[in-house]
Amino acid sequence: MSTTLECGCAGVPELETFAMIRPIAALALLGLTALPALAEDVSTADVYACKDIAADAERLACYDAAVGRLKAAEDAGEVKTFTRKDVEQVKRDSFGFSIPSLPKLAFGGEHDGKGKSEDLKEVTEAVKSVGGARGALRITLENGQVWVQIDDKSVNPRGQKEARIYQAALGSYKMKLDGGLAFRVRREK
């Protein structure tokens, strides 16, 4: 049985296989290029816009289409839903690091009523270990964060159970171990 392909490669198995794979590869490539376009076309605003449609059947069709696009984007990994709790956890975990894109996670409910997002000003965490000498402490917290002392203040590191870290002037941070003397720190990990 002989198969004639448009490429004129009948009888050459390698070329016949390539000729059959080429359309499949083109479809796969088309699918991959459609993902970014899908993400651009999907937003919750599409779902909210449906509520303004007066006719029941049209409103339902609008909801079905908008939710279908949103679900497809979510399944494709292009859209992710975060709760306020998720955002707060990200802010706590990243406290002390400069992450320029983090303010983009300030969703509607976190505003102070003046259009400004509330920033996390301090955290209190359990201390896992304190190492180093006075004036050069390395504090590891239970949540995995590692902070390093950057001033030369003498702080007693023994038996400390809790660290309070807060923002100081010009983007710096200070720490108090069990309410003791404040000293300057920077986040290492």
C-alpha atoms as a PDB file:
ATOM      1  CA  MET A   1       0.000   0.000   0.000  1.00  0.00           C
ATOM      2  CA  SER A   2       1.513   3.290  -1.091  1.00  0.00           C
ATOM      3  CA  THR A   3       0.740   6.658   0.423  1.00  0.00           C
ATOM      4  CA  THR A   4       1.256   9.813  -1.592  1.00  0.00           C
ATOM      5  CA  LEU A   5       1.840  12.948   0.431  1.00  0.00           C
ATOM      6  CA  GLU A   6       1.752  16.524  -0.802  1.00  0.00           C
ATOM      7  CA  CYS A   7       5.415  16.934  -0.007  1.00  0.00           C
ATOM      8  CA  GLY A   8       6.352  14.489  -2.769  1.00  0.00           C
ATOM      9  CA  CYS A   9       8.184  12.310  -0.283  1.00  0.00           C
ATOM     10  CA  ALA A  10       6.342   9.008  -0.901  1.00  0.00           C
ATOM     11  CA  GLY A  11       8.515   6.002  -0.327  1.00  0.00           C
ATOM     12  CA  VAL A  12      10.984   7.756   2.019  1.00  0.00           C
ATOM     13  CA  PRO A  13       9.864   6.774   5.553  1.00  0.00           C
ATOM     14  CA  GLU A  14      11.719   9.564   7.384  1.00  0.00           C
ATOM     15  CA  LEU A  15      10.272  12.242   5.141  1.00  0.00           C
ATOM     16  CA  GLU A  16       6.769  10.709   5.310  1.00  0.00           C
ATOM     17  CA  THR A  17       6.935  10.780   9.122  1.00  0.00           C
ATOM     18  CA  PHE A  18       8.140  14.391   9.103  1.00  0.00           C
ATOM     19  CA  ALA A  19       5.355  15.353   6.696  1.00  0.00           C
ATOM     20  CA  MET A  20       2.745  13.845   9.037  1.00  0.00           C
ATOM     21  CA  ILE A  21       4.239  15.417  12.170  1.00  0.00           C
ATOM     22  CA  ARG A  22       4.516  18.907  10.681  1.00  0.00           C
ATOM     23  CA  PRO A  23       0.741  19.688  10.874  1.00  0.00           C
ATOM     24  CA  ILE A  24       0.614  18.370  14.443  1.00  0.00           C
ATOM     25  CA  ALA A  25       3.580  20.556  15.403  1.00  0.00           C
ATOM     26  CA  ALA A  26       1.902  23.556  13.777  1.00  0.00           C
ATOM     27  CA  LEU A  27      -1.271  22.958  15.819  1.00  0.00           C
ATOM     28  CA  ALA A  28       0.765  22.618  19.014  1.00  0.00           C
ATOM     29  CA  LEU A  29       2.590  25.861  18.260  1.00  0.00           C
ATOM     30  CA  LEU A  30      -0.720  27.574  17.581  1.00  0.00           C
ATOM     31  CA  GLY A  31      -2.002  26.331  20.943  1.00  0.00           C
ATOM     32  CA  LEU A  32       1.035  27.703  22.764  1.00  0.00           C
ATOM     33  CA  THR A  33       0.767  31.100  21.131  1.00  0.00           C
ATOM     34  CA  ALA A  34      -2.918  31.267  22.026  1.00  0.00           C
ATOM     35  CA  LEU A  35      -2.219  31.040  25.787  1.00  0.00           C
ATOM     36  CA  PRO A  36      -0.929  34.622  26.204  1.00  0.00           C
ATOM     37  CA  ALA A  37      -3.823  35.916  24.128  1.00  0.00           C
ATOM     38  CA  LEU A  38      -6.212  33.954  26.326  1.00  0.00           C
ATOM     39  CA  ALA A  39      -4.747  35.566  29.440  1.00  0.00           C
ATOM     40  CA  GLU A  40      -5.123  39.060  27.981  1.00  0.00           C
ATOM     41  CA  ASP A  41      -8.791  38.483  27.152  1.00  0.00           C
ATOM     42  CA  VAL A  42      -9.830  37.184  30.579  1.00  0.00           C
ATOM     43  CA  SER A  43     -10.679  39.279  33.604  1.00  0.00           C
ATOM     44  CA  THR A  44     -13.229  39.335  36.378  1.00  0.00           C
ATOM     45  CA  ALA A  45     -14.537  42.558  34.832  1.00  0.00           C
ATOM     46  CA  ASP A  46     -16.007  40.404  32.045  1.00  0.00           C
ATOM     47  CA  VAL A  47     -18.017  38.469  34.629  1.00  0.00           C
ATOM     48  CA  TYR A  48     -19.133  41.626  36.440  1.00  0.00           C
ATOM     49  CA  ALA A  49     -20.221  43.262  33.175  1.00  0.00           C
ATOM     50  CA  CYS A  50     -22.806  40.520  32.695  1.00  0.00           C
ATOM     51  CA  LYS A  51     -24.886  41.712  35.666  1.00  0.00           C
ATOM     52  CA  ASP A  52     -25.912  44.838  33.740  1.00  0.00           C
ATOM     53  CA  ILE A  53     -27.675  42.836  31.003  1.00  0.00           C
ATOM     54  CA  ALA A  54     -31.447  43.046  31.499  1.00  0.00           C
ATOM     55  CA  ALA A  55     -32.622  40.019  29.496  1.00  0.00           C
ATOM     56  CA  ASP A  56     -32.287  36.808  31.505  1.00  0.00           C
ATOM     57  CA  ALA A  57     -31.220  34.580  28.603  1.00  0.00           C
ATOM     58  CA  GLU A  58     -28.590  37.066  27.385  1.00  0.00           C
ATOM     59  CA  ARG A  59     -27.290  37.619  30.924  1.00  0.00           C
ATOM     60  CA  LEU A  60     -26.979  33.858  31.476  1.00  0.00           C
ATOM     61  CA  ALA A  61     -25.205  33.424  28.137  1.00  0.00           C
ATOM     62  CA  CYS A  62     -22.824  36.252  29.075  1.00  0.00           C
ATOM     63  CA  TYR A  63     -22.078  34.653  32.469  1.00  0.00           C
ATOM     64  CA  ASP A  64     -21.544  31.245  30.884  1.00  0.00           C
ATOM     65  CA  ALA A  65     -19.121  32.651  28.299  1.00  0.00           C
ATOM     66  CA  ALA A  66     -17.185  34.807  30.798  1.00  0.00           C
ATOM     67  CA  VAL A  67     -16.902  32.038  33.384  1.00  0.00           C
ATOM     68  CA  GLY A  68     -15.896  29.578  30.662  1.00  0.00           C
ATOM     69  CA  ARG A  69     -13.043  31.874  29.558  1.00  0.00           C
ATOM     70  CA  LEU A  70     -11.971  32.414  33.156  1.00  0.00           C
ATOM     71  CA  LYS A  71     -12.009  28.665  33.898  1.00  0.00           C
ATOM     72  CA  ALA A  72     -10.016  27.893  30.731  1.00  0.00           C
ATOM     73  CA  ALA A  73      -7.404  30.506  31.685  1.00  0.00           C
ATOM     74  CA  GLU A  74      -7.214  29.100  35.214  1.00  0.00           C
ATOM     75  CA  ASP A  75      -6.821  25.541  33.892  1.00  0.00           C
ATOM     76  CA  ALA A  76      -4.057  26.762  31.554  1.00  0.00           C
ATOM     77  CA  GLY A  77      -2.235  28.347  34.504  1.00  0.00           C
ATOM     78  CA  GLU A  78      -2.716  31.885  33.192  1.00  0.00           C
ATOM     79  CA  VAL A  79      -4.996  33.042  36.027  1.00  0.00           C
ATOM     80  CA  LYS A  80      -4.622  32.397  39.755  1.00  0.00           C
ATOM     81  CA  THR A  81      -7.011  33.416  42.504  1.00  0.00           C
ATOM     82  CA  PHE A  82      -5.597  34.691  45.798  1.00  0.00           C
ATOM     83  CA  THR A  83      -7.440  35.233  49.059  1.00  0.00           C
ATOM     84  CA  ARG A  84      -6.644  38.069  51.427  1.00  0.00           C
ATOM     85  CA  LYS A  85      -5.065  35.469  53.716  1.00  0.00           C
ATOM     86  CA  ASP A  86      -2.753  34.352  50.869  1.00  0.00           C
ATOM     87  CA  VAL A  87      -1.657  37.940  50.227  1.00  0.00           C
ATOM     88  CA  GLU A  88      -1.053  38.603  53.927  1.00  0.00           C
ATOM     89  CA  GLN A  89       1.086  35.456  54.146  1.00  0.00           C
ATOM     90  CA  VAL A  90       3.165  36.556  51.141  1.00  0.00           C
ATOM     91  CA  LYS A  91       3.690  39.954  52.772  1.00  0.00           C
ATOM     92  CA  ARG A  92       4.772  38.338  56.060  1.00  0.00           C
ATOM     93  CA  ASP A  93       7.102  35.900  54.314  1.00  0.00           C
ATOM     94  CA  SER A  94       8.701  38.652  52.238  1.00  0.00           C
ATOM     95  CA  PHE A  95       8.981  41.217  55.057  1.00  0.00           C
ATOM     96  CA  GLY A  96      12.444  42.749  54.951  1.00  0.00           C
ATOM     97  CA  PHE A  97      13.029  42.068  51.269  1.00  0.00           C
ATOM     98  CA  SER A  98      12.613  44.640  48.526  1.00  0.00           C
ATOM     99  CA  ILE A  99      10.178  43.111  46.052  1.00  0.00           C
ATOM    100  CA  PRO A 100       9.000  45.845  43.654  1.00  0.00           C
ATOM    101  CA  SER A 101       6.065  43.836  42.287  1.00  0.00           C
ATOM    102  CA  LEU A 102       4.610  43.022  45.722  1.00  0.00           C
ATOM    103  CA  PRO A 103       2.433  46.178  45.891  1.00  0.00           C
ATOM    104  CA  LYS A 104       0.547  44.840  42.860  1.00  0.00           C
ATOM    105  CA  LEU A 105      -0.933  42.247  45.224  1.00  0.00           C
ATOM    106  CA  ALA A 106      -2.747  44.996  47.144  1.00  0.00           C
ATOM    107  CA  PHE A 107      -6.265  44.003  46.228  1.00  0.00           C
ATOM    108  CA  GLY A 108      -9.366  46.110  46.798  1.00  0.00           C
ATOM    109  CA  GLY A 109     -10.125  45.151  50.401  1.00  0.00           C
ATOM    110  CA  GLU A 110      -6.712  46.133  51.741  1.00  0.00           C
ATOM    111  CA  HIS A 111      -7.009  49.851  51.196  1.00  0.00           C
ATOM    112  CA  ASP A 112      -7.283  52.339  54.024  1.00  0.00           C
ATOM    113  CA  GLY A 113     -10.149  54.229  52.365  1.00  0.00           C
ATOM    114  CA  LYS A 114      -7.823  56.858  50.885  1.00  0.00           C
ATOM    115  CA  GLY A 115      -6.727  54.689  47.975  1.00  0.00           C
ATOM    116  CA  LYS A 116      -3.494  53.626  49.653  1.00  0.00           C
ATOM    117  CA  SER A 117      -2.599  50.031  50.348  1.00  0.00           C
ATOM    118  CA  GLU A 118      -1.728  49.148  53.930  1.00  0.00           C
ATOM    119  CA  ASP A 119       1.919  48.152  54.238  1.00  0.00           C
ATOM    120  CA  LEU A 120       3.144  45.675  56.786  1.00  0.00           C
ATOM    121  CA  LYS A 121       5.173  47.750  59.269  1.00  0.00           C
ATOM    122  CA  GLU A 122       6.345  45.027  61.643  1.00  0.00           C
ATOM    123  CA  VAL A 123       6.310  41.306  62.326  1.00  0.00           C
ATOM    124  CA  THR A 124       6.767  39.258  65.468  1.00  0.00           C
ATOM    125  CA  GLU A 125       8.083  35.727  65.048  1.00  0.00           C
ATOM    126  CA  ALA A 126       9.428  32.919  67.214  1.00  0.00           C
ATOM    127  CA  VAL A 127      13.217  32.627  67.364  1.00  0.00           C
ATOM    128  CA  LYS A 128      14.706  29.294  66.309  1.00  0.00           C
ATOM    129  CA  SER A 129      18.365  30.098  66.973  1.00  0.00           C
ATOM    130  CA  VAL A 130      20.768  32.961  67.576  1.00  0.00           C
ATOM    131  CA  GLY A 131      24.383  32.635  66.507  1.00  0.00           C
ATOM    132  CA  GLY A 132      27.441  34.796  66.174  1.00  0.00           C
ATOM    133  CA  ALA A 133      29.111  37.125  68.630  1.00  0.00           C
ATOM    134  CA  ARG A 134      27.783  40.326  70.116  1.00  0.00           C
ATOM    135  CA  GLY A 135      27.632  43.011  67.467  1.00  0.00           C
ATOM    136  CA  ALA A 136      27.413  40.407  64.703  1.00  0.00           C
ATOM    137  CA  LEU A 137      24.372  38.299  65.548  1.00  0.00           C
ATOM    138  CA  ARG A 138      22.690  35.981  63.080  1.00  0.00           C
ATOM    139  CA  ILE A 139      19.073  35.318  64.064  1.00  0.00           C
ATOM    140  CA  THR A 140      17.155  32.434  62.487  1.00  0.00           C
ATOM    141  CA  LEU A 141      13.406  32.516  62.974  1.00  0.00           C
ATOM    142  CA  GLU A 142      11.012  29.561  63.109  1.00  0.00           C
ATOM    143  CA  ASN A 143       9.512  30.605  59.752  1.00  0.00           C
ATOM    144  CA  GLY A 144      12.928  30.202  58.065  1.00  0.00           C
ATOM    145  CA  GLN A 145      13.856  33.877  57.827  1.00  0.00           C
ATOM    146  CA  VAL A 146      17.464  34.762  58.649  1.00  0.00           C
ATOM    147  CA  TRP A 147      18.347  38.245  59.893  1.00  0.00           C
ATOM    148  CA  VAL A 148      21.846  39.636  60.485  1.00  0.00           C
ATOM    149  CA  GLN A 149      22.793  42.411  62.895  1.00  0.00           C
ATOM    150  CA  ILE A 150      24.389  45.346  61.055  1.00  0.00           C
ATOM    151  CA  ASP A 151      25.244  47.699  63.908  1.00  0.00           C
ATOM    152  CA  ASP A 152      27.695  47.245  66.774  1.00  0.00           C
ATOM    153  CA  LYS A 153      25.253  47.353  69.692  1.00  0.00           C
ATOM    154  CA  SER A 154      25.853  44.807  72.394  1.00  0.00           C
ATOM    155  CA  VAL A 155      22.802  42.553  72.668  1.00  0.00           C
ATOM    156  CA  ASN A 156      22.448  39.533  74.942  1.00  0.00           C
ATOM    157  CA  PRO A 157      21.378  36.711  72.599  1.00  0.00           C
ATOM    158  CA  ARG A 158      20.843  33.986  75.220  1.00  0.00           C
ATOM    159  CA  GLY A 159      17.452  32.372  75.670  1.00  0.00           C
ATOM    160  CA  GLN A 160      15.598  34.672  73.309  1.00  0.00           C
ATOM    161  CA  LYS A 161      12.185  33.345  72.317  1.00  0.00           C
ATOM    162  CA  GLU A 162      10.615  36.117  70.255  1.00  0.00           C
ATOM    163  CA  ALA A 163      11.833  38.647  67.705  1.00  0.00           C
ATOM    164  CA  ARG A 164       9.965  41.818  66.825  1.00  0.00           C
ATOM    165  CA  ILE A 165      11.206  43.302  63.551  1.00  0.00           C
ATOM    166  CA  TYR A 166       9.974  46.689  62.428  1.00  0.00           C
ATOM    167  CA  GLN A 167      10.691  49.273  59.762  1.00  0.00           C
ATOM    168  CA  ALA A 168      13.027  52.076  60.755  1.00  0.00           C
ATOM    169  CA  ALA A 169      14.185  55.192  58.907  1.00  0.00           C
ATOM    170  CA  LEU A 170      15.164  55.161  55.231  1.00  0.00           C
ATOM    171  CA  GLY A 171      14.037  51.608  54.546  1.00  0.00           C
ATOM    172  CA  SER A 172      16.126  49.999  57.264  1.00  0.00           C
ATOM    173  CA  TYR A 173      14.907  47.519  59.873  1.00  0.00           C
ATOM    174  CA  LYS A 174      15.351  47.124  63.615  1.00  0.00           C
ATOM    175  CA  MET A 175      14.865  44.080  65.800  1.00  0.00           C
ATOM    176  CA  LYS A 176      14.096  43.593  69.463  1.00  0.00           C
ATOM    177  CA  LEU A 177      14.643  40.198  71.046  1.00  0.00           C
ATOM    178  CA  ASP A 178      12.086  39.584  73.803  1.00  0.00           C
ATOM    179  CA  GLY A 179      11.439  43.325  74.104  1.00  0.00           C
ATOM    180  CA  GLY A 180      15.091  44.155  74.784  1.00  0.00           C
ATOM    181  CA  LEU A 181      17.351  46.731  73.191  1.00  0.00           C
ATOM    182  CA  ALA A 182      16.613  47.523  69.527  1.00  0.00           C
ATOM    183  CA  PHE A 183      19.417  46.925  67.029  1.00  0.00           C
ATOM    184  CA  ARG A 184      19.686  47.329  63.260  1.00  0.00           C
ATOM    185  CA  VAL A 185      19.285  44.253  61.071  1.00  0.00           C
ATOM    186  CA  ARG A 186      19.027  43.272  57.441  1.00  0.00           C
ATOM    187  CA  ARG A 187      17.303  40.235  56.065  1.00  0.00           C
ATOM    188  CA  GLU A 188      19.678  37.673  54.609  1.00  0.00           C
ATOM    189  CA  LYS A 189      17.289  34.843  53.769  1.00  0.00           C
END
